[in-house]
N, C-alpha and C. Protein backbone atom coordinates (compact mmCIF):
# COMPACT_ATOMS: atom_id res chain seq x y z
N MET A 1 -28.21 13.47 -8.23
CA MET A 1 -27.13 12.58 -8.09
C MET A 1 -27.85 12.09 -6.73
N ASP A 2 -28.12 10.57 -6.80
CA ASP A 2 -27.86 10.26 -5.18
C ASP A 2 -26.25 10.44 -4.60
N TRP A 3 -26.05 11.03 -4.17
CA TRP A 3 -25.07 11.27 -3.07
C TRP A 3 -24.42 10.05 -2.26
N ARG A 4 -25.27 9.41 -1.55
CA ARG A 4 -25.40 8.70 -0.42
C ARG A 4 -24.62 7.67 -1.46
N GLN A 5 -25.33 6.79 -2.38
CA GLN A 5 -25.59 6.17 -3.12
C GLN A 5 -23.90 6.22 -4.11
N THR A 6 -23.19 7.46 -4.10
CA THR A 6 -22.16 7.20 -5.39
C THR A 6 -21.11 7.25 -4.22
N LEU A 7 -20.97 7.94 -3.22
CA LEU A 7 -20.14 7.54 -2.07
C LEU A 7 -20.04 6.62 -1.76
N ALA A 8 -21.04 5.67 -1.37
CA ALA A 8 -20.76 4.51 -0.70
C ALA A 8 -19.93 3.55 -1.65
N GLU A 9 -20.69 4.28 -3.26
CA GLU A 9 -20.14 2.98 -4.19
C GLU A 9 -18.20 3.47 -4.01
N HIS A 10 -18.36 4.19 -4.05
CA HIS A 10 -16.42 4.68 -4.10
C HIS A 10 -15.68 5.11 -2.99
N ASP A 11 -16.69 4.79 -1.69
CA ASP A 11 -15.77 4.75 -0.60
C ASP A 11 -14.75 3.88 -0.30
N ARG A 12 -14.31 2.70 -0.49
CA ARG A 12 -13.38 1.99 -0.28
C ARG A 12 -12.01 3.06 -1.00
N TRP A 13 -11.76 2.77 -2.64
CA TRP A 13 -10.65 2.78 -2.86
C TRP A 13 -10.44 5.12 -2.27
N LEU A 14 -11.70 5.36 -2.20
CA LEU A 14 -11.42 6.97 -1.57
C LEU A 14 -10.31 6.29 -0.18
N ARG A 15 -11.01 5.90 0.54
CA ARG A 15 -10.14 5.69 1.85
C ARG A 15 -8.83 5.25 1.83
N ALA A 16 -9.10 4.51 0.50
CA ALA A 16 -7.29 3.96 0.48
C ALA A 16 -6.46 5.04 -0.38
N ILE A 17 -6.89 6.27 -0.91
CA ILE A 17 -6.50 7.45 -0.98
C ILE A 17 -6.32 8.08 -0.13
N VAL A 18 -7.08 8.47 1.07
CA VAL A 18 -6.69 9.45 1.79
C VAL A 18 -5.92 8.44 2.72
N PHE A 19 -5.70 7.41 2.97
CA PHE A 19 -4.86 6.69 4.12
C PHE A 19 -3.64 6.99 3.81
N ALA A 20 -3.52 6.56 2.38
CA ALA A 20 -2.20 6.91 1.76
C ALA A 20 -1.40 8.45 1.83
N ARG A 21 -2.35 8.81 1.97
CA ARG A 21 -1.62 10.27 2.12
C ARG A 21 -1.26 10.91 3.78
N VAL A 22 -2.14 10.25 4.38
CA VAL A 22 -1.88 10.61 5.99
C VAL A 22 -1.55 9.69 6.87
N ARG A 23 -1.51 8.35 6.31
CA ARG A 23 -0.88 7.31 7.18
C ARG A 23 -1.46 6.91 8.66
N ASP A 24 -2.72 7.54 8.80
CA ASP A 24 -3.85 7.38 10.29
C ASP A 24 -4.89 6.77 9.87
N THR A 25 -5.47 5.53 10.46
CA THR A 25 -6.83 5.13 10.36
C THR A 25 -7.63 6.40 10.98
N GLU A 26 -7.31 6.90 11.77
CA GLU A 26 -8.47 7.57 12.74
C GLU A 26 -8.49 8.71 11.74
N LEU A 27 -7.76 9.08 11.17
CA LEU A 27 -7.79 11.01 10.54
C LEU A 27 -8.84 10.32 9.36
N VAL A 28 -8.46 8.63 8.64
CA VAL A 28 -9.19 8.54 7.54
C VAL A 28 -10.82 9.12 7.24
N ASP A 29 -11.17 8.55 8.94
CA ASP A 29 -12.72 8.76 8.67
C ASP A 29 -13.10 10.32 9.06
N GLU A 30 -12.42 11.09 9.84
CA GLU A 30 -12.44 12.59 9.92
C GLU A 30 -12.44 13.51 8.18
N ILE A 31 -11.34 12.91 7.35
CA ILE A 31 -11.16 13.39 6.19
C ILE A 31 -12.51 12.85 5.49
N MET A 32 -12.81 11.85 5.38
CA MET A 32 -13.83 11.05 4.24
C MET A 32 -14.87 12.07 5.09
N GLN A 33 -15.32 12.66 6.02
CA GLN A 33 -16.82 13.18 6.19
C GLN A 33 -16.67 14.70 5.69
N GLU A 34 -15.36 15.16 5.47
CA GLU A 34 -14.96 16.77 4.48
C GLU A 34 -14.85 16.39 3.48
N VAL A 35 -14.71 15.05 2.60
CA VAL A 35 -14.96 14.65 1.14
C VAL A 35 -16.88 14.59 1.17
N ALA A 36 -17.17 13.64 2.01
CA ALA A 36 -18.97 13.99 1.63
C ALA A 36 -18.95 15.15 1.92
N LEU A 37 -19.06 15.87 2.35
CA LEU A 37 -19.48 17.01 2.43
C LEU A 37 -19.16 17.87 1.38
N ALA A 38 -17.77 18.39 1.03
CA ALA A 38 -17.53 18.93 0.06
C ALA A 38 -17.99 18.42 -1.48
N ALA A 39 -18.58 17.23 -1.60
CA ALA A 39 -18.88 16.22 -2.60
C ALA A 39 -20.56 16.89 -2.67
N ILE A 40 -21.37 16.97 -1.52
CA ILE A 40 -22.83 17.46 -1.34
C ILE A 40 -22.90 18.98 -1.48
N GLN A 41 -22.38 19.69 -1.58
CA GLN A 41 -22.23 21.24 -0.93
C GLN A 41 -21.41 21.80 -2.80
N ALA A 42 -20.89 20.87 -3.75
CA ALA A 42 -20.35 21.34 -4.82
C ALA A 42 -21.40 21.93 -5.60
N LEU A 43 -21.10 23.15 -6.02
CA LEU A 43 -21.90 23.63 -6.73
C LEU A 43 -21.96 23.43 -8.51
N SER A 44 -20.89 22.71 -9.08
CA SER A 44 -20.95 21.96 -10.33
C SER A 44 -20.33 20.96 -10.20
N PRO A 45 -21.30 19.45 -9.89
CA PRO A 45 -20.44 18.23 -9.74
C PRO A 45 -20.75 17.58 -11.42
N PRO A 46 -19.46 16.53 -11.62
CA PRO A 46 -19.84 16.30 -12.75
C PRO A 46 -21.65 15.40 -13.19
N CYS A 47 -21.87 15.63 -14.26
CA CYS A 47 -23.16 14.77 -14.27
C CYS A 47 -22.75 14.03 -15.55
N ASP A 48 -21.83 13.29 -16.03
CA ASP A 48 -21.52 11.90 -16.78
C ASP A 48 -21.05 11.24 -15.82
N THR A 49 -21.44 10.09 -15.24
CA THR A 49 -21.11 9.56 -14.66
C THR A 49 -19.41 8.52 -14.28
N HIS A 50 -19.21 9.02 -15.58
CA HIS A 50 -17.69 8.26 -15.87
C HIS A 50 -16.50 8.84 -15.61
N LYS A 51 -17.07 10.84 -15.17
CA LYS A 51 -16.14 11.99 -14.67
C LYS A 51 -16.47 12.06 -13.24
N VAL A 52 -17.54 10.85 -12.17
CA VAL A 52 -17.64 10.99 -11.01
C VAL A 52 -16.16 10.86 -10.09
N ALA A 53 -15.82 9.38 -10.31
CA ALA A 53 -14.33 8.97 -9.77
C ALA A 53 -13.25 10.07 -10.13
N PRO A 54 -12.84 10.26 -11.20
CA PRO A 54 -11.88 11.36 -11.23
C PRO A 54 -12.29 12.87 -10.65
N TRP A 55 -13.22 12.77 -10.57
CA TRP A 55 -14.11 14.20 -9.78
C TRP A 55 -13.59 14.17 -8.10
N LEU A 56 -14.31 12.83 -7.39
CA LEU A 56 -14.43 12.68 -6.58
C LEU A 56 -12.32 12.46 -5.96
N TYR A 57 -12.13 11.78 -6.54
CA TYR A 57 -10.27 12.01 -6.67
C TYR A 57 -9.84 13.21 -6.16
N ARG A 58 -9.84 14.03 -7.09
CA ARG A 58 -9.34 15.19 -6.26
C ARG A 58 -10.15 16.10 -5.26
N VAL A 59 -11.34 16.10 -5.43
CA VAL A 59 -11.50 16.38 -4.10
C VAL A 59 -11.09 15.52 -2.99
N ALA A 60 -11.55 14.38 -2.78
CA ALA A 60 -10.26 14.08 -1.94
C ALA A 60 -9.07 14.47 -1.43
N VAL A 61 -8.13 14.59 -2.36
CA VAL A 61 -6.91 14.82 -2.23
C VAL A 61 -6.90 16.16 -1.82
N ARG A 62 -8.22 17.37 -2.12
CA ARG A 62 -7.95 18.52 -1.77
C ARG A 62 -8.29 18.62 -0.45
N GLN A 63 -9.50 17.42 -0.04
CA GLN A 63 -9.37 17.71 1.17
C GLN A 63 -8.27 17.58 2.63
N VAL A 64 -7.49 16.46 1.86
CA VAL A 64 -6.69 16.36 2.77
C VAL A 64 -5.26 16.99 3.10
N LEU A 65 -5.14 18.03 1.77
CA LEU A 65 -4.69 19.13 1.34
C LEU A 65 -5.12 20.29 2.45
N LEU A 66 -6.00 20.63 2.59
CA LEU A 66 -6.91 21.57 3.36
C LEU A 66 -6.67 20.75 4.57
N TYR A 67 -6.63 19.71 5.08
CA TYR A 67 -6.46 19.22 6.67
C TYR A 67 -5.18 19.43 7.38
N ARG A 68 -4.37 19.34 6.23
CA ARG A 68 -2.73 18.90 6.66
C ARG A 68 -2.57 20.72 6.85
N ARG A 69 -3.09 21.75 5.96
CA ARG A 69 -3.00 23.11 6.23
C ARG A 69 -3.22 23.67 7.40
N LYS A 70 -4.51 23.16 7.76
CA LYS A 70 -4.90 23.21 9.17
C LYS A 70 -4.21 22.91 10.32
N CYS A 71 -3.73 21.31 9.75
CA CYS A 71 -2.69 21.08 11.50
C CYS A 71 -1.77 22.18 11.23
N GLY A 72 -0.98 21.91 10.13
CA GLY A 72 0.27 23.27 9.53
C GLY A 72 -0.21 24.66 10.53
N ARG A 73 -1.06 24.83 10.26
CA ARG A 73 -1.46 26.49 11.10
C ARG A 73 -1.58 26.00 12.72
N ARG A 74 -2.04 25.13 13.17
CA ARG A 74 -1.83 24.96 14.30
C ARG A 74 -0.82 24.92 14.96
N LYS A 75 -0.04 23.85 14.22
CA LYS A 75 1.06 23.95 14.98
C LYS A 75 2.06 25.18 14.97
N ASN A 76 2.17 25.76 14.00
CA ASN A 76 2.22 27.58 13.73
C ASN A 76 2.61 27.93 15.23
N ILE A 77 1.00 27.89 16.07
CA ILE A 77 0.81 28.58 16.48
C ILE A 77 0.92 27.75 17.86
N GLU A 78 0.69 27.04 18.19
CA GLU A 78 1.39 25.77 19.25
C GLU A 78 2.99 26.15 19.40
N THR A 79 3.81 26.51 18.47
CA THR A 79 5.08 26.61 18.57
C THR A 79 5.47 27.98 18.74
N ARG A 80 4.77 28.96 18.37
CA ARG A 80 4.83 30.38 18.72
C ARG A 80 4.60 30.59 19.80
N PHE A 81 3.39 29.88 20.62
CA PHE A 81 3.16 29.65 22.19
C PHE A 81 4.22 29.00 22.89
N VAL A 82 4.37 27.95 22.42
CA VAL A 82 5.72 27.78 23.02
C VAL A 82 7.25 28.30 23.32
N VAL A 83 7.50 29.36 22.13
CA VAL A 83 8.93 30.03 22.07
C VAL A 83 8.22 31.15 23.14
N ARG A 84 7.24 32.08 23.44
CA ARG A 84 6.69 32.75 24.42
C ARG A 84 6.84 32.42 25.45
N ARG A 85 6.47 30.96 25.95
CA ARG A 85 6.21 31.07 26.93
C ARG A 85 7.76 30.18 27.54
N GLN A 86 8.47 30.17 26.66
CA GLN A 86 10.09 29.86 27.21
C GLN A 86 10.79 31.15 27.49
N THR A 87 10.49 31.96 26.74
CA THR A 87 11.08 33.56 26.52
C THR A 87 10.67 34.19 28.16
N LEU A 88 9.41 33.97 28.42
CA LEU A 88 8.52 34.35 29.65
C LEU A 88 9.77 33.57 30.83
N ARG A 89 9.75 32.46 30.58
CA ARG A 89 10.23 31.46 31.24
C ARG A 89 12.00 32.00 32.21
N ASP A 90 12.55 32.42 30.77
CA ASP A 90 13.81 32.68 31.31
C ASP A 90 14.08 34.03 32.05
N ASP A 91 12.66 34.88 31.47
CA ASP A 91 12.62 35.91 32.25
C ASP A 91 12.48 36.04 33.75
N GLU A 92 11.80 34.82 33.70
CA GLU A 92 11.33 34.71 35.32
C GLU A 92 12.34 33.81 36.21
N ASP A 93 13.40 33.84 35.50
CA ASP A 93 14.29 32.99 36.61
C ASP A 93 15.33 34.07 36.87
N SER A 94 15.41 35.12 36.68
CA SER A 94 16.10 36.12 37.17
C SER A 94 15.25 36.37 38.35
N ARG A 95 14.00 36.66 38.43
CA ARG A 95 13.78 36.86 39.60
C ARG A 95 13.95 36.08 41.15
N ASP A 96 13.34 36.59 41.77
CA ASP A 96 13.42 35.85 43.41
C ASP A 96 12.32 34.23 42.92
N PRO A 97 12.76 33.36 43.84
CA PRO A 97 12.60 31.97 43.51
C PRO A 97 11.07 31.87 43.85
N LEU A 98 10.22 32.89 45.29
CA LEU A 98 8.40 33.04 45.43
C LEU A 98 8.10 33.43 44.65
N ALA A 99 8.78 34.71 43.84
CA ALA A 99 8.00 35.45 42.35
C ALA A 99 7.74 33.88 41.14
N TRP A 100 9.06 33.47 41.04
CA TRP A 100 9.00 32.06 40.39
C TRP A 100 8.05 30.84 40.02
N LEU A 101 7.74 30.60 41.48
CA LEU A 101 6.93 29.54 41.70
C LEU A 101 5.33 30.10 41.82
N LEU A 102 5.21 31.38 42.09
CA LEU A 102 3.58 32.10 42.07
C LEU A 102 3.66 31.79 40.81
N ALA A 103 4.46 32.00 39.37
CA ALA A 103 4.01 32.48 38.44
C ALA A 103 4.31 30.74 37.80
N SER A 104 5.12 29.88 38.11
CA SER A 104 4.65 28.78 37.52
C SER A 104 3.69 27.88 37.60
N GLU A 105 3.02 28.20 38.90
CA GLU A 105 1.80 27.46 39.41
C GLU A 105 0.63 28.19 38.88
N ARG A 106 0.94 29.85 38.53
CA ARG A 106 -0.69 30.09 37.78
C ARG A 106 -0.55 30.21 36.21
N ARG A 107 0.90 29.32 35.74
CA ARG A 107 1.28 29.10 34.45
C ARG A 107 0.28 27.89 34.04
N THR A 108 0.35 26.81 35.02
CA THR A 108 -0.04 25.50 34.84
C THR A 108 -1.41 25.37 35.35
N LEU A 109 -2.04 26.21 36.30
CA LEU A 109 -3.02 26.45 36.16
C LEU A 109 -4.16 27.31 35.01
N VAL A 110 -3.70 27.41 34.65
CA VAL A 110 -4.23 28.61 32.99
C VAL A 110 -3.71 27.72 31.97
N ARG A 111 -2.52 27.06 32.24
CA ARG A 111 -2.19 25.84 30.81
C ARG A 111 -3.68 24.89 31.69
N ASP A 112 -4.10 24.25 32.24
CA ASP A 112 -4.96 23.32 32.95
C ASP A 112 -6.40 23.48 32.54
N ALA A 113 -6.58 24.92 32.89
CA ALA A 113 -8.09 25.26 32.76
C ALA A 113 -8.25 25.50 31.10
N LEU A 114 -7.44 26.09 30.16
CA LEU A 114 -7.09 26.04 29.04
C LEU A 114 -7.20 25.07 28.06
N ALA A 115 -6.80 23.91 28.76
CA ALA A 115 -7.10 22.39 27.93
C ALA A 115 -8.93 21.68 28.41
N THR A 116 -9.52 22.73 29.52
CA THR A 116 -10.72 22.20 29.76
C THR A 116 -12.08 22.95 28.45
N LEU A 117 -11.31 23.75 27.62
CA LEU A 117 -12.34 24.54 27.23
C LEU A 117 -12.12 24.29 25.49
N GLY A 118 -13.22 24.34 24.59
CA GLY A 118 -13.70 24.14 23.41
C GLY A 118 -12.34 24.59 22.39
N PRO A 119 -12.45 23.99 21.24
CA PRO A 119 -11.36 24.13 20.65
C PRO A 119 -11.62 25.74 20.30
N HIS A 120 -12.38 26.25 19.80
CA HIS A 120 -12.54 27.25 19.12
C HIS A 120 -12.63 28.59 20.24
N GLU A 121 -12.92 28.14 21.49
CA GLU A 121 -12.38 29.04 22.66
C GLU A 121 -11.14 29.22 22.44
N ALA A 122 -10.35 27.75 22.89
CA ALA A 122 -8.91 27.97 23.01
C ALA A 122 -8.14 28.63 22.01
N GLU A 123 -8.74 28.71 20.77
CA GLU A 123 -7.89 29.74 19.74
C GLU A 123 -8.30 30.99 19.83
N ILE A 124 -9.36 31.38 20.26
CA ILE A 124 -9.62 32.67 19.85
C ILE A 124 -8.96 33.48 21.27
N LEU A 125 -8.83 32.53 22.16
CA LEU A 125 -7.89 33.21 23.42
C LEU A 125 -6.37 33.03 23.51
N LEU A 126 -6.11 32.19 22.72
CA LEU A 126 -4.55 32.36 22.39
C LEU A 126 -4.25 33.02 21.29
N LEU A 127 -5.18 33.52 20.53
CA LEU A 127 -4.84 34.52 19.36
C LEU A 127 -4.86 35.74 19.60
N LYS A 128 -5.95 36.03 20.83
CA LYS A 128 -6.06 37.44 21.24
C LYS A 128 -4.81 37.72 22.20
N TYR A 129 -4.27 36.76 23.25
CA TYR A 129 -3.51 36.90 24.50
C TYR A 129 -2.06 36.70 23.65
N THR A 130 -2.09 35.57 23.04
CA THR A 130 -0.32 35.57 22.84
C THR A 130 0.03 36.09 21.67
N GLU A 131 -0.68 36.67 20.14
CA GLU A 131 -0.07 37.37 19.48
C GLU A 131 -0.52 38.76 19.61
N ASN A 132 -1.56 38.80 20.77
CA ASN A 132 -1.60 40.40 20.18
C ASN A 132 -2.73 40.95 19.52
N TRP A 133 -3.75 40.33 19.28
CA TRP A 133 -4.39 40.72 18.09
C TRP A 133 -5.33 41.33 18.64
N THR A 134 -5.82 42.78 17.75
CA THR A 134 -7.08 43.87 18.06
C THR A 134 -8.46 42.32 17.81
N CYS A 135 -9.66 42.84 18.60
CA CYS A 135 -10.84 42.63 17.90
C CYS A 135 -11.25 42.49 16.39
N GLN A 136 -10.75 43.62 15.75
CA GLN A 136 -11.11 43.57 14.41
C GLN A 136 -9.91 42.94 13.59
N GLN A 137 -8.49 42.54 14.23
CA GLN A 137 -8.13 41.71 13.64
C GLN A 137 -8.19 40.16 13.46
N LEU A 138 -8.35 39.65 14.82
CA LEU A 138 -9.43 38.43 15.11
C LEU A 138 -10.28 38.42 14.07
N ALA A 139 -11.19 39.31 14.11
CA ALA A 139 -12.62 39.46 12.81
C ALA A 139 -12.02 39.11 11.68
N ASN A 140 -11.45 40.10 11.07
CA ASN A 140 -10.80 39.94 10.16
C ASN A 140 -10.17 38.07 9.22
N HIS A 141 -9.58 37.74 10.26
CA HIS A 141 -8.66 36.28 10.05
C HIS A 141 -10.04 35.14 10.46
N LEU A 142 -10.69 35.48 10.92
CA LEU A 142 -11.86 34.72 11.90
C LEU A 142 -12.95 34.30 10.58
N GLY A 143 -13.14 35.50 9.61
CA GLY A 143 -14.33 35.83 9.01
C GLY A 143 -15.79 35.90 9.58
N VAL A 144 -15.54 36.50 10.85
CA VAL A 144 -16.71 37.13 11.31
C VAL A 144 -16.82 38.20 11.76
N SER A 145 -18.20 39.15 12.22
CA SER A 145 -18.15 39.95 12.94
C SER A 145 -17.15 40.96 13.66
N ARG A 146 -17.02 41.96 13.78
CA ARG A 146 -16.26 42.36 15.09
C ARG A 146 -16.91 41.86 16.67
N SER A 147 -18.20 42.02 16.69
CA SER A 147 -19.08 42.31 17.49
C SER A 147 -19.19 40.51 17.89
N ALA A 148 -19.15 40.01 16.66
CA ALA A 148 -18.83 38.33 17.00
C ALA A 148 -17.87 38.17 17.77
N VAL A 149 -17.10 38.29 17.37
CA VAL A 149 -15.51 38.43 17.95
C VAL A 149 -15.27 38.79 19.63
N GLU A 150 -16.00 40.09 19.68
CA GLU A 150 -16.55 40.10 21.45
C GLU A 150 -17.05 39.42 22.09
N ALA A 151 -18.21 39.12 21.69
CA ALA A 151 -19.44 38.20 22.15
C ALA A 151 -18.02 36.64 22.13
N ARG A 152 -17.53 36.34 21.28
CA ARG A 152 -16.77 34.96 21.90
C ARG A 152 -15.29 35.35 22.66
N LEU A 153 -14.93 36.40 23.03
CA LEU A 153 -13.95 36.23 23.72
C LEU A 153 -14.55 36.38 25.16
N PHE A 154 -15.84 37.37 25.61
CA PHE A 154 -16.90 37.01 26.53
C PHE A 154 -17.02 36.07 27.17
N ARG A 155 -17.39 35.10 26.15
CA ARG A 155 -17.90 33.80 26.65
C ARG A 155 -16.65 33.19 26.91
N ALA A 156 -16.02 32.99 26.36
CA ALA A 156 -14.22 32.65 26.21
C ALA A 156 -13.98 32.52 27.48
N ARG A 157 -13.33 34.00 28.06
CA ARG A 157 -13.02 34.43 29.39
C ARG A 157 -13.66 34.20 30.51
N ARG A 158 -15.10 33.89 30.62
CA ARG A 158 -16.22 33.56 31.23
C ARG A 158 -15.68 32.14 31.67
N HIS A 159 -15.74 31.45 30.57
CA HIS A 159 -15.43 30.06 30.52
C HIS A 159 -14.23 29.50 31.43
N LEU A 160 -13.09 30.22 30.82
CA LEU A 160 -11.78 30.22 31.29
C LEU A 160 -11.17 30.99 33.18
N ARG A 161 -12.54 31.41 33.60
CA ARG A 161 -12.67 31.88 34.73
C ARG A 161 -13.39 30.99 35.35
N GLU A 162 -14.38 30.22 35.29
CA GLU A 162 -15.06 29.41 35.42
C GLU A 162 -14.37 28.11 35.96
N ALA A 163 -13.21 27.91 34.81
CA ALA A 163 -12.30 26.49 34.84
C ALA A 163 -11.23 26.81 35.93
N ILE A 164 -10.74 27.69 36.06
CA ILE A 164 -9.67 28.31 36.91
C ILE A 164 -10.21 28.26 38.17
N SER A 165 -11.50 28.45 38.58
CA SER A 165 -11.88 28.91 39.70
C SER A 165 -12.21 27.37 40.03
N ALA A 166 -12.92 26.31 39.63
CA ALA A 166 -13.20 24.89 39.41
C ALA A 166 -12.00 24.43 39.97
N LYS A 167 -10.62 24.28 39.31
CA LYS A 167 -9.39 23.83 39.57
C LYS A 167 -8.98 24.34 40.35
N SER A 168 -8.69 25.66 40.89
CA SER A 168 -7.57 26.52 41.89
C SER A 168 -8.18 25.77 43.22
N PRO A 169 -7.18 25.69 44.04
CA PRO A 169 -7.86 25.13 45.30
C PRO A 169 -8.08 26.05 46.33
N PRO A 170 -8.68 25.82 47.31
CA PRO A 170 -9.67 27.10 48.41
C PRO A 170 -8.26 27.53 49.04
N VAL A 171 -8.09 28.69 49.13
CA VAL A 171 -7.15 29.61 49.86
C VAL A 171 -7.45 29.80 51.43
N PHE A 172 -6.76 29.33 52.36
CA PHE A 172 -6.92 29.47 53.92
C PHE A 172 -5.58 30.17 54.31
N LEU A 173 -6.52 31.29 54.78
CA LEU A 173 -5.51 32.30 55.36
C LEU A 173 -5.59 32.50 56.96
N GLU A 174 -4.18 31.64 57.76
CA GLU A 174 -4.11 31.49 59.13
C GLU A 174 -3.76 33.10 59.74
N PHE A 175 -4.60 33.44 60.66
CA PHE A 175 -3.94 34.53 61.36
C PHE A 175 -3.61 34.32 62.39
N ARG A 176 -2.56 34.73 63.49
CA ARG A 176 -2.13 34.27 64.21
C ARG A 176 -1.62 36.00 65.18
N ASP A 177 -2.35 35.30 66.20
CA ASP A 177 -1.87 36.68 67.33
C ASP A 177 -0.48 36.89 67.66
N ALA A 178 0.11 37.96 67.10
CA ALA A 178 1.45 37.42 67.26
C ALA A 178 2.40 38.13 68.29
N GLY A 179 1.35 38.07 69.31
CA GLY A 179 1.51 38.96 70.77
C GLY A 179 1.32 37.64 71.69
N VAL A 180 1.00 36.87 71.51
CA VAL A 180 0.40 35.43 72.28
C VAL A 180 1.88 34.42 72.46
């Protein structure tokens, strides 16, 4: 089956289906790419031309649901991160002002550096340090080997250090002679 031609024939109404479910024109293109990929990679696509449209409809709906699930997972991770961050802030309020200021600046610096990383690097660092997952737990959840997780963590930490050092202002120390 020529999937390029088949998907082009059904593109307009499939886009309408996807748009009706996500209500965002920018997301439609992203999800339609997933629909095309799922259709091409399907192990048992329909052979009957009359069954292609209903099958593509189900594929499109499934891809929308998978996209929503992925967004929900990301939102849960972000929510837990915000709650933990707020808890840390509440604990820091009881400290002295200088410690609070330094911790606040450090958080801002790390947050800005984390934003420069790719999504996979940021995800693995957040899961490792906000969820306190071990390398084995990360490997089980991500579906990769433990050594792959360790390598990814190593690279992500290195990129985070580089981003932090690029963003942090140079430190100048001024020494004064107290006796003069």
